[in-house]
Amino acid sequence: MARPSKYPRELRERAVRAVAESIAEGRYPSEFEAIRTIAAKFGIGSPETLRKWVRQAKVDGGARPGKTTQELTEIRELKKENAELRRANEILKAASAFFAAELDRPPKY
């Protein structure tokens, strides 16, 4: 199970929105400066964290190619289900082999 996020969803959304607004208004000379300053202002440990959020928000908005958050979530769930089904299949194979061996034994009278 994935660990819960250190930052609440509302904080992430506000920080991403603040970066987008500051870039649109031209308050910073580069996106990097905006991200670095806003990450410090919001108490985000690393500017890289905020940069990832901004990139993912652009993907989710269709402004950048890549897998959306919804697609990533679906892939994660499908991988988990696939692993669970593989385990169940292995258990069934083992049980099948066990019972097949039981049927091959001569009866005890």
PDB file of N, CA and C in Angstrom:
ATOM      1  N   MET A   1       0.841  -1.172   0.000  1.00  0.00           N
ATOM      2  CA  MET A   1       0.000   0.000   0.000  1.00  0.00           C
ATOM      3  C   MET A   1       0.887   1.235   0.000  1.00  0.00           C
ATOM      4  N   ALA A   2       0.522   2.231  -0.777  1.00  0.00           N
ATOM      5  CA  ALA A   2       1.309   3.447  -0.884  1.00  0.00           C
ATOM      6  C   ALA A   2       1.179   4.268   0.393  1.00  0.00           C
ATOM      7  N   ARG A   3       2.255   4.944   0.710  1.00  0.00           N
ATOM      8  CA  ARG A   3       2.204   5.776   1.904  1.00  0.00           C
ATOM      9  C   ARG A   3       1.401   7.046   1.611  1.00  0.00           C
ATOM     10  N   PRO A   4       0.734   7.585   2.607  1.00  0.00           N
ATOM     11  CA  PRO A   4      -0.038   8.802   2.372  1.00  0.00           C
ATOM     12  C   PRO A   4       0.898   9.974   2.075  1.00  0.00           C
ATOM     13  N   SER A   5       0.391  10.922   1.310  1.00  0.00           N
ATOM     14  CA  SER A   5       1.194  12.074   0.924  1.00  0.00           C
ATOM     15  C   SER A   5       1.505  12.937   2.137  1.00  0.00           C
ATOM     16  N   LYS A   6       2.703  13.489   2.134  1.00  0.00           N
ATOM     17  CA  LYS A   6       3.133  14.365   3.217  1.00  0.00           C
ATOM     18  C   LYS A   6       2.382  15.693   3.157  1.00  0.00           C
ATOM     19  N   TYR A   7       1.947  16.056   1.948  1.00  0.00           N
ATOM     20  CA  TYR A   7       1.289  17.345   1.742  1.00  0.00           C
ATOM     21  C   TYR A   7      -0.179  17.131   1.373  1.00  0.00           C
ATOM     22  N   PRO A   8      -1.082  17.901   1.987  1.00  0.00           N
ATOM     23  CA  PRO A   8      -2.505  17.770   1.649  1.00  0.00           C
ATOM     24  C   PRO A   8      -2.758  18.178   0.194  1.00  0.00           C
ATOM     25  N   ARG A   9      -3.797  17.617  -0.399  1.00  0.00           N
ATOM     26  CA  ARG A   9      -4.150  17.897  -1.788  1.00  0.00           C
ATOM     27  C   ARG A   9      -4.401  19.386  -2.020  1.00  0.00           C
ATOM     28  N   GLU A  10      -5.025  20.051  -1.058  1.00  0.00           N
ATOM     29  CA  GLU A  10      -5.332  21.476  -1.199  1.00  0.00           C
ATOM     30  C   GLU A  10      -4.050  22.307  -1.310  1.00  0.00           C
ATOM     31  N   LEU A  11      -3.040  21.951  -0.512  1.00  0.00           N
ATOM     32  CA  LEU A  11      -1.762  22.666  -0.567  1.00  0.00           C
ATOM     33  C   LEU A  11      -1.111  22.473  -1.929  1.00  0.00           C
ATOM     34  N   ARG A  12      -1.124  21.252  -2.431  1.00  0.00           N
ATOM     35  CA  ARG A  12      -0.529  20.972  -3.744  1.00  0.00           C
ATOM     36  C   ARG A  12      -1.230  21.792  -4.826  1.00  0.00           C
ATOM     37  N   GLU A  13      -2.575  21.799  -4.793  1.00  0.00           N
ATOM     38  CA  GLU A  13      -3.330  22.546  -5.803  1.00  0.00           C
ATOM     39  C   GLU A  13      -3.045  24.043  -5.717  1.00  0.00           C
ATOM     40  N   ARG A  14      -2.998  24.581  -4.493  1.00  0.00           N
ATOM     41  CA  ARG A  14      -2.717  26.013  -4.329  1.00  0.00           C
ATOM     42  C   ARG A  14      -1.324  26.365  -4.824  1.00  0.00           C
ATOM     43  N   ALA A  15      -0.349  25.508  -4.517  1.00  0.00           N
ATOM     44  CA  ALA A  15       1.032  25.778  -4.936  1.00  0.00           C
ATOM     45  C   ALA A  15       1.151  25.740  -6.460  1.00  0.00           C
ATOM     46  N   VAL A  16       0.530  24.755  -7.088  1.00  0.00           N
ATOM     47  CA  VAL A  16       0.574  24.652  -8.558  1.00  0.00           C
ATOM     48  C   VAL A  16      -0.117  25.853  -9.179  1.00  0.00           C
ATOM     49  N   ARG A  17      -1.252  26.244  -8.628  1.00  0.00           N
ATOM     50  CA  ARG A  17      -1.969  27.421  -9.131  1.00  0.00           C
ATOM     51  C   ARG A  17      -1.134  28.683  -8.968  1.00  0.00           C
ATOM     52  N   ALA A  18      -0.444  28.800  -7.836  1.00  0.00           N
ATOM     53  CA  ALA A  18       0.398  29.979  -7.597  1.00  0.00           C
ATOM     54  C   ALA A  18       1.536  30.048  -8.619  1.00  0.00           C
ATOM     55  N   VAL A  19       2.122  28.918  -8.949  1.00  0.00           N
ATOM     56  CA  VAL A  19       3.190  28.902  -9.955  1.00  0.00           C
ATOM     57  C   VAL A  19       2.640  29.331 -11.304  1.00  0.00           C
ATOM     58  N   ALA A  20       1.492  28.765 -11.692  1.00  0.00           N
ATOM     59  CA  ALA A  20       0.899  29.103 -12.995  1.00  0.00           C
ATOM     60  C   ALA A  20       0.552  30.586 -13.073  1.00  0.00           C
ATOM     61  N   GLU A  21      -0.026  31.125 -12.006  1.00  0.00           N
ATOM     62  CA  GLU A  21      -0.406  32.539 -12.004  1.00  0.00           C
ATOM     63  C   GLU A  21       0.817  33.449 -12.039  1.00  0.00           C
ATOM     64  N   SER A  22       1.841  33.101 -11.275  1.00  0.00           N
ATOM     65  CA  SER A  22       3.030  33.961 -11.242  1.00  0.00           C
ATOM     66  C   SER A  22       3.767  33.954 -12.578  1.00  0.00           C
ATOM     67  N   ILE A  23       3.763  32.825 -13.272  1.00  0.00           N
ATOM     68  CA  ILE A  23       4.403  32.755 -14.592  1.00  0.00           C
ATOM     69  C   ILE A  23       3.577  33.544 -15.606  1.00  0.00           C
ATOM     70  N   ALA A  24       2.248  33.397 -15.531  1.00  0.00           N
ATOM     71  CA  ALA A  24       1.371  34.124 -16.458  1.00  0.00           C
ATOM     72  C   ALA A  24       1.494  35.637 -16.273  1.00  0.00           C
ATOM     73  N   GLU A  25       1.664  36.064 -15.040  1.00  0.00           N
ATOM     74  CA  GLU A  25       1.792  37.494 -14.753  1.00  0.00           C
ATOM     75  C   GLU A  25       3.215  37.998 -14.966  1.00  0.00           C
ATOM     76  N   GLY A  26       4.162  37.109 -15.158  1.00  0.00           N
ATOM     77  CA  GLY A  26       5.546  37.509 -15.399  1.00  0.00           C
ATOM     78  C   GLY A  26       6.268  38.019 -14.164  1.00  0.00           C
ATOM     79  N   ARG A  27       5.882  37.538 -12.991  1.00  0.00           N
ATOM     80  CA  ARG A  27       6.525  37.985 -11.752  1.00  0.00           C
ATOM     81  C   ARG A  27       7.942  37.457 -11.593  1.00  0.00           C
ATOM     82  N   TYR A  28       8.255  36.360 -12.241  1.00  0.00           N
ATOM     83  CA  TYR A  28       9.588  35.762 -12.119  1.00  0.00           C
ATOM     84  C   TYR A  28      10.199  35.618 -13.511  1.00  0.00           C
ATOM     85  N   PRO A  29      11.516  35.701 -13.599  1.00  0.00           N
ATOM     86  CA  PRO A  29      12.165  35.611 -14.912  1.00  0.00           C
ATOM     87  C   PRO A  29      12.085  34.219 -15.540  1.00  0.00           C
ATOM     88  N   SER A  30      11.909  33.180 -14.727  1.00  0.00           N
ATOM     89  CA  SER A  30      11.826  31.826 -15.271  1.00  0.00           C
ATOM     90  C   SER A  30      10.897  30.976 -14.420  1.00  0.00           C
ATOM     91  N   GLU A  31      10.484  29.875 -14.994  1.00  0.00           N
ATOM     92  CA  GLU A  31       9.642  28.936 -14.254  1.00  0.00           C
ATOM     93  C   GLU A  31      10.398  28.377 -13.052  1.00  0.00           C
ATOM     94  N   PHE A  32      11.678  28.138 -13.233  1.00  0.00           N
ATOM     95  CA  PHE A  32      12.505  27.617 -12.144  1.00  0.00           C
ATOM     96  C   PHE A  32      12.493  28.561 -10.939  1.00  0.00           C
ATOM     97  N   GLU A  33      12.652  29.854 -11.194  1.00  0.00           N
ATOM     98  CA  GLU A  33      12.637  30.835 -10.098  1.00  0.00           C
ATOM     99  C   GLU A  33      11.275  30.852  -9.400  1.00  0.00           C
ATOM    100  N   ALA A  34      10.216  30.786 -10.185  1.00  0.00           N
ATOM    101  CA  ALA A  34       8.874  30.782  -9.602  1.00  0.00           C
ATOM    102  C   ALA A  34       8.683  29.558  -8.717  1.00  0.00           C
ATOM    103  N   ILE A  35       9.087  28.406  -9.216  1.00  0.00           N
ATOM    104  CA  ILE A  35       8.929  27.169  -8.448  1.00  0.00           C
ATOM    105  C   ILE A  35       9.763  27.214  -7.176  1.00  0.00           C
ATOM    106  N   ARG A  36      11.005  27.654  -7.300  1.00  0.00           N
ATOM    107  CA  ARG A  36      11.896  27.699  -6.133  1.00  0.00           C
ATOM    108  C   ARG A  36      11.339  28.634  -5.057  1.00  0.00           C
ATOM    109  N   THR A  37      10.885  29.802  -5.462  1.00  0.00           N
ATOM    110  CA  THR A  37      10.373  30.791  -4.506  1.00  0.00           C
ATOM    111  C   THR A  37       9.067  30.329  -3.866  1.00  0.00           C
ATOM    112  N   ILE A  38       8.169  29.826  -4.672  1.00  0.00           N
ATOM    113  CA  ILE A  38       6.863  29.406  -4.152  1.00  0.00           C
ATOM    114  C   ILE A  38       6.994  28.168  -3.275  1.00  0.00           C
ATOM    115  N   ALA A  39       7.902  27.260  -3.612  1.00  0.00           N
ATOM    116  CA  ALA A  39       8.123  26.074  -2.766  1.00  0.00           C
ATOM    117  C   ALA A  39       8.567  26.509  -1.375  1.00  0.00           C
ATOM    118  N   ALA A  40       9.465  27.477  -1.314  1.00  0.00           N
ATOM    119  CA  ALA A  40       9.925  27.978  -0.014  1.00  0.00           C
ATOM    120  C   ALA A  40       8.783  28.668   0.732  1.00  0.00           C
ATOM    121  N   LYS A  41       7.990  29.438   0.009  1.00  0.00           N
ATOM    122  CA  LYS A  41       6.887  30.187   0.609  1.00  0.00           C
ATOM    123  C   LYS A  41       5.821  29.250   1.193  1.00  0.00           C
ATOM    124  N   PHE A  42       5.563  28.128   0.532  1.00  0.00           N
ATOM    125  CA  PHE A  42       4.531  27.189   0.975  1.00  0.00           C
ATOM    126  C   PHE A  42       5.083  26.138   1.935  1.00  0.00           C
ATOM    127  N   GLY A  43       6.380  26.154   2.195  1.00  0.00           N
ATOM    128  CA  GLY A  43       6.970  25.196   3.120  1.00  0.00           C
ATOM    129  C   GLY A  43       7.141  23.813   2.523  1.00  0.00           C
ATOM    130  N   ILE A  44       7.305  23.759   1.212  1.00  0.00           N
ATOM    131  CA  ILE A  44       7.516  22.481   0.539  1.00  0.00           C
ATOM    132  C   ILE A  44       9.006  22.190   0.599  1.00  0.00           C
ATOM    133  N   GLY A  45       9.348  21.011   1.089  1.00  0.00           N
ATOM    134  CA  GLY A  45      10.736  20.652   1.357  1.00  0.00           C
ATOM    135  C   GLY A  45      11.702  20.853   0.205  1.00  0.00           C
ATOM    136  N   SER A  46      11.287  20.502  -1.005  1.00  0.00           N
ATOM    137  CA  SER A  46      12.185  20.576  -2.146  1.00  0.00           C
ATOM    138  C   SER A  46      11.465  21.205  -3.330  1.00  0.00           C
ATOM    139  N   PRO A  47      12.128  22.101  -4.045  1.00  0.00           N
ATOM    140  CA  PRO A  47      11.506  22.654  -5.252  1.00  0.00           C
ATOM    141  C   PRO A  47      11.200  21.574  -6.290  1.00  0.00           C
ATOM    142  N   GLU A  48      11.974  20.501  -6.267  1.00  0.00           N
ATOM    143  CA  GLU A  48      11.747  19.399  -7.214  1.00  0.00           C
ATOM    144  C   GLU A  48      10.354  18.791  -7.013  1.00  0.00           C
ATOM    145  N   THR A  49       9.902  18.736  -5.781  1.00  0.00           N
ATOM    146  CA  THR A  49       8.569  18.213  -5.491  1.00  0.00           C
ATOM    147  C   THR A  49       7.518  19.068  -6.184  1.00  0.00           C
ATOM    148  N   LEU A  50       7.623  20.366  -6.033  1.00  0.00           N
ATOM    149  CA  LEU A  50       6.672  21.283  -6.666  1.00  0.00           C
ATOM    150  C   LEU A  50       6.796  21.216  -8.186  1.00  0.00           C
ATOM    151  N   ARG A  51       8.007  21.069  -8.705  1.00  0.00           N
ATOM    152  CA  ARG A  51       8.201  20.973 -10.152  1.00  0.00           C
ATOM    153  C   ARG A  51       7.456  19.756 -10.709  1.00  0.00           C
ATOM    154  N   LYS A  52       7.517  18.630  -9.982  1.00  0.00           N
ATOM    155  CA  LYS A  52       6.800  17.428 -10.417  1.00  0.00           C
ATOM    156  C   LYS A  52       5.292  17.658 -10.415  1.00  0.00           C
ATOM    157  N   TRP A  53       4.796  18.347  -9.390  1.00  0.00           N
ATOM    158  CA  TRP A  53       3.366  18.636  -9.321  1.00  0.00           C
ATOM    159  C   TRP A  53       2.938  19.505 -10.498  1.00  0.00           C
ATOM    160  N   VAL A  54       3.769  20.503 -10.822  1.00  0.00           N
ATOM    161  CA  VAL A  54       3.457  21.407 -11.929  1.00  0.00           C
ATOM    162  C   VAL A  54       3.443  20.627 -13.236  1.00  0.00           C
ATOM    163  N   ARG A  55       4.433  19.766 -13.455  1.00  0.00           N
ATOM    164  CA  ARG A  55       4.491  18.964 -14.685  1.00  0.00           C
ATOM    165  C   ARG A  55       3.269  18.054 -14.799  1.00  0.00           C
ATOM    166  N   GLN A  56       2.905  17.407 -13.693  1.00  0.00           N
ATOM    167  CA  GLN A  56       1.750  16.506 -13.713  1.00  0.00           C
ATOM    168  C   GLN A  56       0.465  17.284 -13.959  1.00  0.00           C
ATOM    169  N   ALA A  57       0.356  18.481 -13.413  1.00  0.00           N
ATOM    170  CA  ALA A  57      -0.832  19.306 -13.644  1.00  0.00           C
ATOM    171  C   ALA A  57      -0.933  19.679 -15.124  1.00  0.00           C
ATOM    172  N   LYS A  58       0.205  19.932 -15.766  1.00  0.00           N
ATOM    173  CA  LYS A  58       0.203  20.240 -17.201  1.00  0.00           C
ATOM    174  C   LYS A  58      -0.224  19.016 -18.008  1.00  0.00           C
ATOM    175  N   VAL A  59       0.213  17.834 -17.613  1.00  0.00           N
ATOM    176  CA  VAL A  59      -0.197  16.596 -18.292  1.00  0.00           C
ATOM    177  C   VAL A  59      -1.695  16.390 -18.110  1.00  0.00           C
ATOM    178  N   ASP A  60      -2.177  16.572 -16.885  1.00  0.00           N
ATOM    179  CA  ASP A  60      -3.602  16.398 -16.602  1.00  0.00           C
ATOM    180  C   ASP A  60      -4.448  17.403 -17.381  1.00  0.00           C
ATOM    181  N   GLY A  61      -3.904  18.604 -17.592  1.00  0.00           N
ATOM    182  CA  GLY A  61      -4.623  19.642 -18.327  1.00  0.00           C
ATOM    183  C   GLY A  61      -4.519  19.492 -19.834  1.00  0.00           C
ATOM    184  N   GLY A  62      -3.707  18.571 -20.297  1.00  0.00           N
ATOM    185  CA  GLY A  62      -3.570  18.349 -21.732  1.00  0.00           C
ATOM    186  C   GLY A  62      -2.544  19.252 -22.401  1.00  0.00           C
ATOM    187  N   ALA A  63      -1.816  20.039 -21.615  1.00  0.00           N
ATOM    188  CA  ALA A  63      -0.828  20.955 -22.182  1.00  0.00           C
ATOM    189  C   ALA A  63       0.514  20.275 -22.416  1.00  0.00           C
ATOM    190  N   ARG A  64       0.647  19.073 -21.945  1.00  0.00           N
ATOM    191  CA  ARG A  64       1.916  18.356 -22.044  1.00  0.00           C
ATOM    192  C   ARG A  64       1.617  16.872 -22.276  1.00  0.00           C
ATOM    193  N   PRO A  65       2.407  16.191 -23.106  1.00  0.00           N
ATOM    194  CA  PRO A  65       2.148  14.765 -23.331  1.00  0.00           C
ATOM    195  C   PRO A  65       2.539  13.930 -22.114  1.00  0.00           C
ATOM    196  N   GLY A  66       1.877  12.802 -21.951  1.00  0.00           N
ATOM    197  CA  GLY A  66       2.190  11.904 -20.843  1.00  0.00           C
ATOM    198  C   GLY A  66       0.928  11.267 -20.303  1.00  0.00           C
ATOM    199  N   LYS A  67       1.098  10.446 -19.290  1.00  0.00           N
ATOM    200  CA  LYS A  67      -0.032   9.757 -18.665  1.00  0.00           C
ATOM    201  C   LYS A  67      -0.641  10.651 -17.587  1.00  0.00           C
ATOM    202  N   THR A  68      -1.952  10.771 -17.625  1.00  0.00           N
ATOM    203  CA  THR A  68      -2.636  11.594 -16.634  1.00  0.00           C
ATOM    204  C   THR A  68      -2.652  10.881 -15.287  1.00  0.00           C
ATOM    205  N   THR A  69      -2.991  11.619 -14.262  1.00  0.00           N
ATOM    206  CA  THR A  69      -3.077  11.059 -12.919  1.00  0.00           C
ATOM    207  C   THR A  69      -4.087   9.919 -12.886  1.00  0.00           C
ATOM    208  N   GLN A  70      -5.196  10.096 -13.588  1.00  0.00           N
ATOM    209  CA  GLN A  70      -6.228   9.061 -13.618  1.00  0.00           C
ATOM    210  C   GLN A  70      -5.690   7.798 -14.288  1.00  0.00           C
ATOM    211  N   GLU A  71      -4.955   7.955 -15.383  1.00  0.00           N
ATOM    212  CA  GLU A  71      -4.377   6.798 -16.064  1.00  0.00           C
ATOM    213  C   GLU A  71      -3.345   6.100 -15.185  1.00  0.00           C
ATOM    214  N   LEU A  72      -2.521   6.878 -14.491  1.00  0.00           N
ATOM    215  CA  LEU A  72      -1.517   6.299 -13.606  1.00  0.00           C
ATOM    216  C   LEU A  72      -2.175   5.514 -12.469  1.00  0.00           C
ATOM    217  N   THR A  73      -3.263   6.058 -11.935  1.00  0.00           N
ATOM    218  CA  THR A  73      -3.997   5.376 -10.870  1.00  0.00           C
ATOM    219  C   THR A  73      -4.584   4.062 -11.387  1.00  0.00           C
ATOM    220  N   GLU A  74      -5.158   4.103 -12.586  1.00  0.00           N
ATOM    221  CA  GLU A  74      -5.740   2.894 -13.167  1.00  0.00           C
ATOM    222  C   GLU A  74      -4.664   1.841 -13.424  1.00  0.00           C
ATOM    223  N   ILE A  75      -3.506   2.265 -13.930  1.00  0.00           N
ATOM    224  CA  ILE A  75      -2.403   1.329 -14.177  1.00  0.00           C
ATOM    225  C   ILE A  75      -1.952   0.687 -12.873  1.00  0.00           C
ATOM    226  N   ARG A  76      -1.817   1.499 -11.828  1.00  0.00           N
ATOM    227  CA  ARG A  76      -1.400   0.994 -10.523  1.00  0.00           C
ATOM    228  C   ARG A  76      -2.391  -0.042 -10.000  1.00  0.00           C
ATOM    229  N   GLU A  77      -3.695   0.250 -10.128  1.00  0.00           N
ATOM    230  CA  GLU A  77      -4.719  -0.680  -9.662  1.00  0.00           C
ATOM    231  C   GLU A  77      -4.698  -1.976 -10.473  1.00  0.00           C
ATOM    232  N   LEU A  78      -4.511  -1.856 -11.792  1.00  0.00           N
ATOM    233  CA  LEU A  78      -4.473  -3.042 -12.636  1.00  0.00           C
ATOM    234  C   LEU A  78      -3.253  -3.909 -12.332  1.00  0.00           C
ATOM    235  N   LYS A  79      -2.117  -3.279 -12.043  1.00  0.00           N
ATOM    236  CA  LYS A  79      -0.921  -4.044 -11.675  1.00  0.00           C
ATOM    237  C   LYS A  79      -1.145  -4.786 -10.363  1.00  0.00           C
ATOM    238  N   LYS A  80      -1.796  -4.129  -9.430  1.00  0.00           N
ATOM    239  CA  LYS A  80      -2.091  -4.762  -8.144  1.00  0.00           C
ATOM    240  C   LYS A  80      -3.031  -5.952  -8.339  1.00  0.00           C
ATOM    241  N   GLU A  81      -4.074  -5.752  -9.154  1.00  0.00           N
ATOM    242  CA  GLU A  81      -5.019  -6.833  -9.429  1.00  0.00           C
ATOM    243  C   GLU A  81      -4.326  -7.982 -10.162  1.00  0.00           C
ATOM    244  N   ASN A  82      -3.453  -7.660 -11.094  1.00  0.00           N
ATOM    245  CA  ASN A  82      -2.716  -8.677 -11.845  1.00  0.00           C
ATOM    246  C   ASN A  82      -1.856  -9.516 -10.900  1.00  0.00           C
ATOM    247  N   ALA A  83      -1.161  -8.869  -9.982  1.00  0.00           N
ATOM    248  CA  ALA A  83      -0.319  -9.587  -9.019  1.00  0.00           C
ATOM    249  C   ALA A  83      -1.177 -10.501  -8.140  1.00  0.00           C
ATOM    250  N   GLU A  84      -2.332 -10.008  -7.723  1.00  0.00           N
ATOM    251  CA  GLU A  84      -3.236 -10.805  -6.889  1.00  0.00           C
ATOM    252  C   GLU A  84      -3.738 -12.034  -7.657  1.00  0.00           C
ATOM    253  N   LEU A  85      -4.081 -11.841  -8.924  1.00  0.00           N
ATOM    254  CA  LEU A  85      -4.556 -12.956  -9.740  1.00  0.00           C
ATOM    255  C   LEU A  85      -3.440 -13.970  -9.997  1.00  0.00           C
ATOM    256  N   ARG A  86      -2.215 -13.506 -10.169  1.00  0.00           N
ATOM    257  CA  ARG A  86      -1.089 -14.419 -10.357  1.00  0.00           C
ATOM    258  C   ARG A  86      -0.875 -15.276  -9.103  1.00  0.00           C
ATOM    259  N   ARG A  87      -0.980 -14.648  -7.920  1.00  0.00           N
ATOM    260  CA  ARG A  87      -0.846 -15.407  -6.668  1.00  0.00           C
ATOM    261  C   ARG A  87      -1.942 -16.455  -6.550  1.00  0.00           C
ATOM    262  N   ALA A  88      -3.175 -16.056  -6.860  1.00  0.00           N
ATOM    263  CA  ALA A  88      -4.298 -17.002  -6.793  1.00  0.00           C
ATOM    264  C   ALA A  88      -4.086 -18.142  -7.780  1.00  0.00           C
ATOM    265  N   ASN A  89      -3.576 -17.831  -8.951  1.00  0.00           N
ATOM    266  CA  ASN A  89      -3.316 -18.855  -9.961  1.00  0.00           C
ATOM    267  C   ASN A  89      -2.263 -19.849  -9.473  1.00  0.00           C
ATOM    268  N   GLU A  90      -1.215 -19.358  -8.827  1.00  0.00           N
ATOM    269  CA  GLU A  90      -0.176 -20.238  -8.289  1.00  0.00           C
ATOM    270  C   GLU A  90      -0.745 -21.157  -7.205  1.00  0.00           C
ATOM    271  N   ILE A  91      -1.602 -20.620  -6.369  1.00  0.00           N
ATOM    272  CA  ILE A  91      -2.235 -21.431  -5.323  1.00  0.00           C
ATOM    273  C   ILE A  91      -3.092 -22.523  -5.954  1.00  0.00           C
ATOM    274  N   LEU A  92      -3.844 -22.153  -6.972  1.00  0.00           N
ATOM    275  CA  LEU A  92      -4.692 -23.141  -7.648  1.00  0.00           C
ATOM    276  C   LEU A  92      -3.860 -24.211  -8.353  1.00  0.00           C
ATOM    277  N   LYS A  93      -2.741 -23.830  -8.938  1.00  0.00           N
ATOM    278  CA  LYS A  93      -1.863 -24.813  -9.577  1.00  0.00           C
ATOM    279  C   LYS A  93      -1.321 -25.798  -8.549  1.00  0.00           C
ATOM    280  N   ALA A  94      -0.897 -25.266  -7.405  1.00  0.00           N
ATOM    281  CA  ALA A  94      -0.367 -26.129  -6.350  1.00  0.00           C
ATOM    282  C   ALA A  94      -1.448 -27.073  -5.834  1.00  0.00           C
ATOM    283  N   ALA A  95      -2.648 -26.555  -5.642  1.00  0.00           N
ATOM    284  CA  ALA A  95      -3.753 -27.387  -5.162  1.00  0.00           C
ATOM    285  C   ALA A  95      -4.104 -28.461  -6.195  1.00  0.00           C
ATOM    286  N   SER A  96      -4.098 -28.068  -7.451  1.00  0.00           N
ATOM    287  CA  SER A  96      -4.395 -29.020  -8.526  1.00  0.00           C
ATOM    288  C   SER A  96      -3.361 -30.146  -8.545  1.00  0.00           C
ATOM    289  N   ALA A  97      -2.091 -29.809  -8.416  1.00  0.00           N
ATOM    290  CA  ALA A  97      -1.033 -30.822  -8.406  1.00  0.00           C
ATOM    291  C   ALA A  97      -1.192 -31.749  -7.198  1.00  0.00           C
ATOM    292  N   PHE A  98      -1.547 -31.175  -6.049  1.00  0.00           N
ATOM    293  CA  PHE A  98      -1.734 -31.975  -4.834  1.00  0.00           C
ATOM    294  C   PHE A  98      -2.869 -32.981  -5.017  1.00  0.00           C
ATOM    295  N   PHE A  99      -4.010 -32.510  -5.500  1.00  0.00           N
ATOM    296  CA  PHE A  99      -5.157 -33.402  -5.650  1.00  0.00           C
ATOM    297  C   PHE A  99      -4.951 -34.402  -6.775  1.00  0.00           C
ATOM    298  N   ALA A 100      -4.226 -34.033  -7.818  1.00  0.00           N
ATOM    299  CA  ALA A 100      -3.920 -34.980  -8.886  1.00  0.00           C
ATOM    300  C   ALA A 100      -3.041 -36.105  -8.349  1.00  0.00           C
ATOM    301  N   ALA A 101      -2.104 -35.777  -7.488  1.00  0.00           N
ATOM    302  CA  ALA A 101      -1.242 -36.793  -6.877  1.00  0.00           C
ATOM    303  C   ALA A 101      -2.067 -37.714  -5.983  1.00  0.00           C
ATOM    304  N   GLU A 102      -3.062 -37.173  -5.288  1.00  0.00           N
ATOM    305  CA  GLU A 102      -3.938 -37.983  -4.443  1.00  0.00           C
ATOM    306  C   GLU A 102      -4.721 -38.988  -5.278  1.00  0.00           C
ATOM    307  N   LEU A 103      -5.162 -38.590  -6.438  1.00  0.00           N
ATOM    308  CA  LEU A 103      -5.948 -39.483  -7.297  1.00  0.00           C
ATOM    309  C   LEU A 103      -5.092 -40.595  -7.899  1.00  0.00           C
ATOM    310  N   ASP A 104      -3.799 -40.351  -8.089  1.00  0.00           N
ATOM    311  CA  ASP A 104      -2.912 -41.337  -8.678  1.00  0.00           C
ATOM    312  C   ASP A 104      -2.482 -42.408  -7.680  1.00  0.00           C
ATOM    313  N   ARG A 105      -2.623 -42.196  -6.400  1.00  0.00           N
ATOM    314  CA  ARG A 105      -2.207 -43.165  -5.391  1.00  0.00           C
ATOM    315  C   ARG A 105      -3.145 -44.367  -5.391  1.00  0.00           C
ATOM    316  N   PRO A 106      -2.605 -45.534  -5.157  1.00  0.00           N
ATOM    317  CA  PRO A 106      -3.493 -46.694  -5.029  1.00  0.00           C
ATOM    318  C   PRO A 106      -4.291 -46.601  -3.731  1.00  0.00           C
ATOM    319  N   PRO A 107      -5.504 -47.097  -3.739  1.00  0.00           N
ATOM    320  CA  PRO A 107      -6.342 -47.004  -2.530  1.00  0.00           C
ATOM    321  C   PRO A 107      -5.797 -47.882  -1.415  1.00  0.00           C
ATOM    322  N   LYS A 108      -6.029 -47.445  -0.193  1.00  0.00           N
ATOM    323  CA  LYS A 108      -5.621 -48.219   1.011  1.00  0.00           C
ATOM    324  C   LYS A 108      -6.829 -49.013   1.489  1.00  0.00           C
ATOM    325  N   TYR A 109      -6.751 -50.315   1.431  1.00  0.00           N
ATOM    326  CA  TYR A 109      -7.868 -51.158   1.888  1.00  0.00           C
ATOM    327  C   TYR A 109      -7.592 -51.760   3.194  1.00  0.00           C
TER     328      TYR A 109
END
